[in-house]
Protein backbone atom coordinates (compact mmCIF):
# COMPACT_ATOMS: atom_id res chain seq x y z
CA MET A 1 0.00 0.00 0.00
CA SER A 2 2.67 2.53 0.97
CA GLU A 3 4.73 1.90 -2.19
CA GLN A 4 1.57 2.88 -4.01
CA ASN A 5 1.50 6.13 -2.02
CA ILE A 6 5.01 7.01 -3.21
CA GLU A 7 3.93 6.39 -6.81
CA LEU A 8 0.84 8.56 -6.25
CA LEU A 9 3.06 11.30 -4.84
CA ARG A 10 5.28 11.10 -7.93
CA ARG A 11 2.22 11.43 -10.17
CA ALA A 12 0.96 14.40 -8.13
CA SER A 13 4.36 16.11 -8.50
CA GLU A 14 4.25 15.58 -12.25
CA ALA A 15 0.71 16.94 -12.47
CA PHE A 16 1.70 19.99 -10.40
CA ASN A 17 4.66 20.77 -12.64
CA ALA A 18 2.53 20.31 -15.77
CA ARG A 19 -0.23 22.48 -14.23
CA ASP A 20 -2.62 19.64 -15.03
CA ILE A 21 -5.21 20.62 -12.47
CA GLU A 22 -7.69 17.87 -13.30
CA ALA A 23 -5.03 15.13 -13.07
CA PHE A 24 -3.96 16.62 -9.75
CA ILE A 25 -7.54 16.66 -8.47
CA ALA A 26 -8.04 13.06 -9.60
CA LEU A 27 -5.32 12.09 -7.09
CA SER A 28 -7.01 14.01 -4.26
CA ASP A 29 -9.75 13.07 -1.84
CA PRO A 30 -12.88 15.24 -2.26
CA SER A 31 -12.41 16.47 1.33
CA ILE A 32 -8.66 17.16 1.04
CA GLU A 33 -7.05 19.74 3.32
CA TRP A 34 -4.22 21.49 1.47
CA ASN A 35 -1.86 23.72 3.49
CA SER A 36 0.29 25.99 1.34
CA GLN A 37 2.99 28.47 2.30
CA MET A 38 3.57 29.76 -1.23
CA THR A 39 0.30 31.23 -2.46
CA VAL A 40 -0.50 34.20 -0.26
CA PRO A 41 1.44 36.02 2.49
CA GLY A 42 1.21 33.98 5.67
CA GLY A 43 0.05 30.88 3.80
CA ALA A 44 -3.43 29.53 3.27
CA VAL A 45 -5.47 26.37 3.76
CA TYR A 46 -7.60 25.07 0.91
CA TYR A 47 -10.40 22.52 1.28
CA GLY A 48 -11.81 20.07 -1.23
CA HIS A 49 -11.51 19.99 -4.99
CA ASP A 50 -12.81 23.55 -5.36
CA GLY A 51 -10.16 24.62 -2.87
CA LEU A 52 -7.48 22.98 -5.01
CA ARG A 53 -8.73 24.87 -8.05
CA GLN A 54 -8.42 28.09 -6.02
CA TYR A 55 -4.93 27.03 -4.90
CA PHE A 56 -3.83 26.73 -8.54
CA ARG A 57 -5.36 30.14 -9.34
CA ASP A 58 -3.54 31.67 -6.38
CA MET A 59 -0.27 30.01 -7.47
CA GLU A 60 -0.76 31.41 -10.98
CA ASP A 61 -1.36 34.90 -9.56
CA ALA A 62 1.78 34.76 -7.43
CA TRP A 63 4.14 32.83 -9.70
CA GLY A 64 2.75 32.64 -13.22
CA ASP A 65 3.88 29.45 -14.90
CA GLU A 66 7.48 29.70 -13.73
CA LEU A 67 7.23 27.55 -10.61
CA ARG A 68 8.46 23.96 -10.45
CA ALA A 69 8.79 21.45 -7.65
CA GLU A 70 11.96 19.39 -8.09
CA PRO A 71 11.77 16.29 -5.88
CA GLU A 72 15.02 15.36 -4.13
CA ALA A 73 13.83 12.40 -2.04
CA TYR A 74 10.65 10.58 -1.10
CA PHE A 75 10.13 8.86 2.24
CA ASP A 76 7.62 6.08 2.83
CA LEU A 77 5.95 6.40 6.23
CA GLY A 78 3.03 4.06 5.60
CA GLU A 79 -0.18 6.05 5.31
CA GLN A 80 1.93 9.21 5.19
CA THR A 81 4.67 10.24 2.82
CA LEU A 82 7.36 12.85 3.21
CA LEU A 83 8.84 14.72 0.29
CA PHE A 84 12.02 16.79 0.26
CA TYR A 85 12.04 19.06 -2.77
CA VAL A 86 13.37 22.32 -4.13
CA LEU A 87 10.84 24.86 -5.30
CA ARG A 88 12.22 26.90 -8.19
CA GLY A 89 10.52 29.84 -9.76
CA ARG A 90 10.32 33.53 -10.41
CA GLY A 91 7.90 35.85 -8.66
CA ARG A 92 5.32 37.15 -11.07
CA GLN A 93 5.39 40.74 -9.78
CA SER A 94 8.90 41.00 -8.38
CA GLY A 95 10.74 38.94 -10.98
CA ALA A 96 12.84 37.56 -8.12
CA GLU A 97 14.17 34.06 -8.67
CA VAL A 98 13.76 31.55 -5.87
CA ALA A 99 15.24 28.15 -5.15
CA MET A 100 13.96 27.01 -1.77
CA PRO A 101 14.50 23.61 -0.17
CA LEU A 102 11.14 22.56 1.31
CA ALA A 103 9.39 19.56 2.77
CA ALA A 104 5.84 18.32 2.47
CA VAL A 105 3.84 15.74 4.37
CA ALA A 106 0.95 13.97 2.66
CA ARG A 107 -1.60 11.61 4.17
CA TRP A 108 -3.22 9.03 1.94
CA ARG A 109 -6.60 7.39 2.22
CA ASP A 110 -7.98 4.83 -0.24
CA GLY A 111 -5.45 5.79 -2.92
CA LEU A 112 -6.09 9.53 -2.66
CA CYS A 113 -4.31 12.40 -0.96
CA ALA A 114 -6.45 13.51 1.98
CA TYR A 115 -4.01 15.99 3.58
CA TRP A 116 -1.00 18.03 2.48
CA LYS A 117 1.19 20.40 4.41
CA ALA A 118 4.23 22.20 3.04
CA TYR A 119 7.05 23.34 5.31
CA PHE A 120 9.67 26.03 4.77
CA HIS A 121 11.97 24.17 7.15
CA ARG A 122 12.47 20.44 6.74
CA GLU A 123 13.19 20.01 10.44
CA ASP A 124 9.67 21.31 11.19
CA ALA A 125 8.17 18.52 9.10
CA LEU A 126 10.34 15.95 10.86
CA ARG A 127 9.34 17.34 14.26
CA ASP A 128 5.63 17.21 13.37
CA LEU A 129 6.06 13.62 12.21
CA GLY A 130 8.08 12.70 15.31
CA VAL A 131 10.77 11.12 13.11
CA PRO A 132 14.52 11.80 13.28
CA GLU A 133 16.09 12.37 9.87
CA ASP A 134 18.66 9.62 10.42
CA ALA A 135 15.80 7.09 10.77
CA LEU A 136 14.52 7.83 7.27
CA GLU A 137 15.34 5.79 4.19
CA PRO A 138 15.25 8.02 1.11
CA ILE A 139 13.66 6.80 -2.09
CA ALA A 140 15.11 8.41 -5.20
CA PRO A 141 12.84 10.59 -7.29
């Protein structure tokens, strides 16, 4: 089951980078809770499929189409997955280039993502999960 979750996470990353909103939604539970730090100042929480559509609109407003998530490592935690990635892009208004190492935790239910939370600091994700980094076994992207 958890190997399937890593594959689902890979597919979600591909859909995000392709801006294929419907493919992304097809991988998400209808009651998903999506916590983003990159859409609006202070972050935002989006709920359900309509919330994901709003998330993509907010991302477009902030970043245009110049934002990519580059996975560095996946971690299988059973019903949860952890992703270390670098977010690369250019601010739509500022033109500033960014390359930020981030982490994200996803919870999976019945083959769909039910929860997502992105973290600016990878150690915050590890603390929330209660897992030391040296206990993790990375899976290559």
